[in-house]
Amino acid sequence: MRFAARVEGEHERAGGTYLVHVALPLAVGGAIYLLARPDGLRMFAWARALGLGGPLGGARVELAAIATALPSWAKWSLPDALWAFALMRVFCILWNDRLTRESAPWLSCAAVVALGSEAGQAFHVVPGTFDPVDLVCLLAGVLAGLFPVLLRLVRWSRKEVA
């Protein structure tokens, strides 16, 4: 296979990967915010500025029963886990799901930003209210985002030992 064709194929696959691993979790988390959370959040001002206040209000009314039925952790903490997953996947995809000397600081930075956003609330460095459930969900999102990297490491270590 020619190099140009191989690279083009990798870019096409990466585009689909970004869509599923980054855009979709961010969209689902944003939908939870917009459809199930109180309307005083910053995202609502953005929606109104874009002229989407009316349609959003209608969607909130139509989906109120679903929003009310969501478990508390899904309404309040799942969006955090989804953005942490998406953030980690961006960095992992950029580094081809490989842990190297070059990628480790970037992957660590993504984890620190994700977990630090909640930990900072505990120490009143970041605005908001600390919630241990948020922290657990953020950690789950980071680990889920790292899963392909960790799986690759396990497979590599088994080859090295064998």
C-alpha atoms as a PDB file:
ATOM      1  CA  MET A   1       0.000   0.000   0.000  1.00  0.00           C
ATOM      2  CA  ARG A   2       1.306   3.408  -0.900  1.00  0.00           C
ATOM      3  CA  PHE A   3       2.089   5.786   1.969  1.00  0.00           C
ATOM      4  CA  ALA A   4      -0.344   8.501   0.815  1.00  0.00           C
ATOM      5  CA  ALA A   5      -3.222   6.027   0.595  1.00  0.00           C
ATOM      6  CA  ARG A   6      -2.394   4.608   4.036  1.00  0.00           C
ATOM      7  CA  VAL A   7      -2.298   8.079   5.626  1.00  0.00           C
ATOM      8  CA  GLU A   8      -5.534   9.090   3.910  1.00  0.00           C
ATOM      9  CA  GLY A   9      -7.226   5.951   5.253  1.00  0.00           C
ATOM     10  CA  GLU A  10      -5.940   6.694   8.761  1.00  0.00           C
ATOM     11  CA  HIS A  11      -7.339  10.241   8.582  1.00  0.00           C
ATOM     12  CA  GLU A  12     -10.719   8.916   7.485  1.00  0.00           C
ATOM     13  CA  ARG A  13     -10.774   6.449  10.377  1.00  0.00           C
ATOM     14  CA  ALA A  14      -9.631   9.154  12.803  1.00  0.00           C
ATOM     15  CA  GLY A  15     -12.492  11.405  11.676  1.00  0.00           C
ATOM     16  CA  GLY A  16     -15.029   8.708  12.511  1.00  0.00           C
ATOM     17  CA  THR A  17     -13.248   8.027  15.773  1.00  0.00           C
ATOM     18  CA  TYR A  18     -13.415  11.710  16.737  1.00  0.00           C
ATOM     19  CA  LEU A  19     -17.101  11.770  15.895  1.00  0.00           C
ATOM     20  CA  VAL A  20     -17.939   8.753  18.076  1.00  0.00           C
ATOM     21  CA  HIS A  21     -15.386   9.255  20.863  1.00  0.00           C
ATOM     22  CA  VAL A  22     -15.447  13.046  21.161  1.00  0.00           C
ATOM     23  CA  ALA A  23     -18.392  14.776  19.462  1.00  0.00           C
ATOM     24  CA  LEU A  24     -21.037  12.235  20.487  1.00  0.00           C
ATOM     25  CA  PRO A  25     -20.183  12.209  24.233  1.00  0.00           C
ATOM     26  CA  LEU A  26     -20.033  16.016  24.238  1.00  0.00           C
ATOM     27  CA  ALA A  27     -23.407  16.186  22.471  1.00  0.00           C
ATOM     28  CA  VAL A  28     -25.012  13.730  24.913  1.00  0.00           C
ATOM     29  CA  GLY A  29     -23.571  15.601  27.910  1.00  0.00           C
ATOM     30  CA  GLY A  30     -24.728  18.911  26.456  1.00  0.00           C
ATOM     31  CA  ALA A  31     -28.204  17.480  25.848  1.00  0.00           C
ATOM     32  CA  ILE A  32     -28.410  16.352  29.468  1.00  0.00           C
ATOM     33  CA  TYR A  33     -27.440  19.861  30.572  1.00  0.00           C
ATOM     34  CA  LEU A  34     -29.922  21.552  28.260  1.00  0.00           C
ATOM     35  CA  LEU A  35     -32.847  19.184  28.710  1.00  0.00           C
ATOM     36  CA  ALA A  36     -32.617  17.983  32.313  1.00  0.00           C
ATOM     37  CA  ARG A  37     -30.758  20.588  34.348  1.00  0.00           C
ATOM     38  CA  PRO A  38     -32.025  23.941  35.733  1.00  0.00           C
ATOM     39  CA  ASP A  39     -32.189  26.648  33.083  1.00  0.00           C
ATOM     40  CA  GLY A  40     -29.903  29.081  34.923  1.00  0.00           C
ATOM     41  CA  LEU A  41     -26.744  27.461  33.538  1.00  0.00           C
ATOM     42  CA  ARG A  42     -24.461  29.321  31.162  1.00  0.00           C
ATOM     43  CA  MET A  43     -25.393  27.031  28.256  1.00  0.00           C
ATOM     44  CA  PHE A  44     -28.924  28.460  28.311  1.00  0.00           C
ATOM     45  CA  ALA A  45     -27.631  31.984  27.750  1.00  0.00           C
ATOM     46  CA  TRP A  46     -25.650  30.658  24.769  1.00  0.00           C
ATOM     47  CA  ALA A  47     -28.778  28.955  23.412  1.00  0.00           C
ATOM     48  CA  ARG A  48     -30.818  32.150  23.787  1.00  0.00           C
ATOM     49  CA  ALA A  49     -28.068  34.178  22.106  1.00  0.00           C
ATOM     50  CA  LEU A  50     -28.239  31.761  19.169  1.00  0.00           C
ATOM     51  CA  GLY A  51     -32.020  32.185  18.989  1.00  0.00           C
ATOM     52  CA  LEU A  52     -32.663  28.683  20.298  1.00  0.00           C
ATOM     53  CA  GLY A  53     -34.407  29.654  23.542  1.00  0.00           C
ATOM     54  CA  GLY A  54     -37.931  28.931  22.243  1.00  0.00           C
ATOM     55  CA  PRO A  55     -37.217  25.534  20.664  1.00  0.00           C
ATOM     56  CA  LEU A  56     -35.147  24.540  23.683  1.00  0.00           C
ATOM     57  CA  GLY A  57     -37.990  25.466  26.037  1.00  0.00           C
ATOM     58  CA  GLY A  58     -40.384  23.372  23.954  1.00  0.00           C
ATOM     59  CA  ALA A  59     -38.020  20.394  23.976  1.00  0.00           C
ATOM     60  CA  ARG A  60     -37.625  20.706  27.748  1.00  0.00           C
ATOM     61  CA  VAL A  61     -41.419  20.580  28.182  1.00  0.00           C
ATOM     62  CA  GLU A  62     -41.777  17.574  25.837  1.00  0.00           C
ATOM     63  CA  LEU A  63     -38.971  15.650  27.561  1.00  0.00           C
ATOM     64  CA  ALA A  64     -39.747  16.669  31.146  1.00  0.00           C
ATOM     65  CA  ALA A  65     -40.954  13.175  32.098  1.00  0.00           C
ATOM     66  CA  ILE A  66     -37.697  11.612  30.887  1.00  0.00           C
ATOM     67  CA  ALA A  67     -35.603  14.313  32.584  1.00  0.00           C
ATOM     68  CA  THR A  68     -37.457  13.741  35.847  1.00  0.00           C
ATOM     69  CA  ALA A  69     -36.941   9.972  35.618  1.00  0.00           C
ATOM     70  CA  LEU A  70     -33.163  10.263  35.175  1.00  0.00           C
ATOM     71  CA  PRO A  71     -31.214   9.047  38.190  1.00  0.00           C
ATOM     72  CA  SER A  72     -29.528  11.848  40.105  1.00  0.00           C
ATOM     73  CA  TRP A  73     -25.998  10.752  39.102  1.00  0.00           C
ATOM     74  CA  ALA A  74     -26.970  10.732  35.410  1.00  0.00           C
ATOM     75  CA  LYS A  75     -28.443  14.221  35.571  1.00  0.00           C
ATOM     76  CA  TRP A  76     -25.686  15.808  37.647  1.00  0.00           C
ATOM     77  CA  SER A  77     -22.501  13.754  37.155  1.00  0.00           C
ATOM     78  CA  LEU A  78     -22.732  11.875  33.847  1.00  0.00           C
ATOM     79  CA  PRO A  79     -22.083  15.035  31.776  1.00  0.00           C
ATOM     80  CA  ASP A  80     -18.793  15.443  33.688  1.00  0.00           C
ATOM     81  CA  ALA A  81     -17.803  11.852  32.922  1.00  0.00           C
ATOM     82  CA  LEU A  82     -18.659  12.343  29.250  1.00  0.00           C
ATOM     83  CA  TRP A  83     -16.552  15.479  28.835  1.00  0.00           C
ATOM     84  CA  ALA A  84     -13.652  13.858  30.722  1.00  0.00           C
ATOM     85  CA  PHE A  85     -13.911  10.844  28.389  1.00  0.00           C
ATOM     86  CA  ALA A  86     -13.994  13.109  25.321  1.00  0.00           C
ATOM     87  CA  LEU A  87     -11.021  15.151  26.533  1.00  0.00           C
ATOM     88  CA  MET A  88      -8.962  12.035  27.214  1.00  0.00           C
ATOM     89  CA  ARG A  89      -9.919  10.498  23.868  1.00  0.00           C
ATOM     90  CA  VAL A  90      -8.793  13.636  21.984  1.00  0.00           C
ATOM     91  CA  PHE A  91      -5.315  13.317  23.444  1.00  0.00           C
ATOM     92  CA  CYS A  92      -5.223   9.531  23.077  1.00  0.00           C
ATOM     93  CA  ILE A  93      -6.328   9.685  19.435  1.00  0.00           C
ATOM     94  CA  LEU A  94      -3.733  12.375  18.705  1.00  0.00           C
ATOM     95  CA  TRP A  95      -1.085  10.021  20.117  1.00  0.00           C
ATOM     96  CA  ASN A  96      -2.484   6.947  18.301  1.00  0.00           C
ATOM     97  CA  ASP A  97      -3.499   5.335  21.608  1.00  0.00           C
ATOM     98  CA  ARG A  98       0.146   4.857  22.533  1.00  0.00           C
ATOM     99  CA  LEU A  99       1.832   5.645  25.814  1.00  0.00           C
ATOM    100  CA  THR A 100       5.311   6.986  25.108  1.00  0.00           C
ATOM    101  CA  ARG A 101       7.690   9.454  26.713  1.00  0.00           C
ATOM    102  CA  GLU A 102       6.263  12.077  24.408  1.00  0.00           C
ATOM    103  CA  SER A 103       2.590  11.246  24.947  1.00  0.00           C
ATOM    104  CA  ALA A 104       2.678  10.656  28.714  1.00  0.00           C
ATOM    105  CA  PRO A 105       2.842  14.351  29.715  1.00  0.00           C
ATOM    106  CA  TRP A 106      -0.081  15.197  27.413  1.00  0.00           C
ATOM    107  CA  LEU A 107      -2.214  12.303  28.614  1.00  0.00           C
ATOM    108  CA  SER A 108      -1.365  13.211  32.211  1.00  0.00           C
ATOM    109  CA  CYS A 109      -2.302  16.830  31.536  1.00  0.00           C
ATOM    110  CA  ALA A 110      -5.735  15.773  30.266  1.00  0.00           C
ATOM    111  CA  ALA A 111      -6.292  13.637  33.377  1.00  0.00           C
ATOM    112  CA  VAL A 112      -5.150  16.445  35.700  1.00  0.00           C
ATOM    113  CA  VAL A 113      -7.440  18.974  34.008  1.00  0.00           C
ATOM    114  CA  ALA A 114     -10.418  16.609  34.196  1.00  0.00           C
ATOM    115  CA  LEU A 115      -9.899  15.532  37.811  1.00  0.00           C
ATOM    116  CA  GLY A 116      -8.503  18.883  38.903  1.00  0.00           C
ATOM    117  CA  SER A 117     -11.664  20.666  37.820  1.00  0.00           C
ATOM    118  CA  GLU A 118     -13.578  18.892  40.579  1.00  0.00           C
ATOM    119  CA  ALA A 119     -10.748  18.676  43.110  1.00  0.00           C
ATOM    120  CA  GLY A 120     -10.263  22.423  42.707  1.00  0.00           C
ATOM    121  CA  GLN A 121     -13.840  22.923  43.835  1.00  0.00           C
ATOM    122  CA  ALA A 122     -13.055  21.126  47.100  1.00  0.00           C
ATOM    123  CA  PHE A 123     -10.328  23.699  47.819  1.00  0.00           C
ATOM    124  CA  HIS A 124     -12.348  26.653  46.485  1.00  0.00           C
ATOM    125  CA  VAL A 125      -9.829  27.244  43.686  1.00  0.00           C
ATOM    126  CA  VAL A 126     -12.397  26.448  40.980  1.00  0.00           C
ATOM    127  CA  PRO A 127     -15.928  27.876  41.164  1.00  0.00           C
ATOM    128  CA  GLY A 128     -18.610  25.349  41.971  1.00  0.00           C
ATOM    129  CA  THR A 129     -19.587  22.845  44.609  1.00  0.00           C
ATOM    130  CA  PHE A 130     -17.396  19.801  45.199  1.00  0.00           C
ATOM    131  CA  ASP A 131     -19.228  16.517  44.793  1.00  0.00           C
ATOM    132  CA  PRO A 132     -17.470  13.171  45.398  1.00  0.00           C
ATOM    133  CA  VAL A 133     -19.852  11.498  42.912  1.00  0.00           C
ATOM    134  CA  ASP A 134     -18.649  13.957  40.250  1.00  0.00           C
ATOM    135  CA  LEU A 135     -15.063  13.059  41.092  1.00  0.00           C
ATOM    136  CA  VAL A 136     -15.778   9.325  40.763  1.00  0.00           C
ATOM    137  CA  CYS A 137     -17.575   9.904  37.447  1.00  0.00           C
ATOM    138  CA  LEU A 138     -14.724  12.071  36.172  1.00  0.00           C
ATOM    139  CA  LEU A 139     -12.246   9.337  37.101  1.00  0.00           C
ATOM    140  CA  ALA A 140     -14.423   6.769  35.306  1.00  0.00           C
ATOM    141  CA  GLY A 141     -14.485   9.005  32.226  1.00  0.00           C
ATOM    142  CA  VAL A 142     -10.703   9.428  32.265  1.00  0.00           C
ATOM    143  CA  LEU A 143     -10.119   5.682  32.677  1.00  0.00           C
ATOM    144  CA  ALA A 144     -12.657   4.816  29.982  1.00  0.00           C
ATOM    145  CA  GLY A 145     -10.940   7.273  27.649  1.00  0.00           C
ATOM    146  CA  LEU A 146      -7.591   5.681  28.443  1.00  0.00           C
ATOM    147  CA  PHE A 147      -8.898   2.128  27.981  1.00  0.00           C
ATOM    148  CA  PRO A 148      -7.496   1.610  24.447  1.00  0.00           C
ATOM    149  CA  VAL A 149      -4.086   2.819  25.635  1.00  0.00           C
ATOM    150  CA  LEU A 150      -4.185   0.534  28.674  1.00  0.00           C
ATOM    151  CA  LEU A 151      -5.344  -2.394  26.559  1.00  0.00           C
ATOM    152  CA  ARG A 152      -2.449  -1.801  24.158  1.00  0.00           C
ATOM    153  CA  LEU A 153      -0.028  -1.741  27.109  1.00  0.00           C
ATOM    154  CA  VAL A 154      -1.370  -5.030  28.461  1.00  0.00           C
ATOM    155  CA  ARG A 155      -1.095  -6.677  25.050  1.00  0.00           C
ATOM    156  CA  TRP A 156       2.428  -5.314  24.595  1.00  0.00           C
ATOM    157  CA  SER A 157       3.548  -6.507  28.038  1.00  0.00           C
ATOM    158  CA  ARG A 158       2.220 -10.010  27.337  1.00  0.00           C
ATOM    159  CA  LYS A 159       4.261 -10.124  24.121  1.00  0.00           C
ATOM    160  CA  GLU A 160       7.359  -8.953  25.985  1.00  0.00           C
ATOM    161  CA  VAL A 161       6.956 -11.582  28.706  1.00  0.00           C
ATOM    162  CA  ALA A 162       6.124 -14.432  26.318  1.00  0.00           C
END
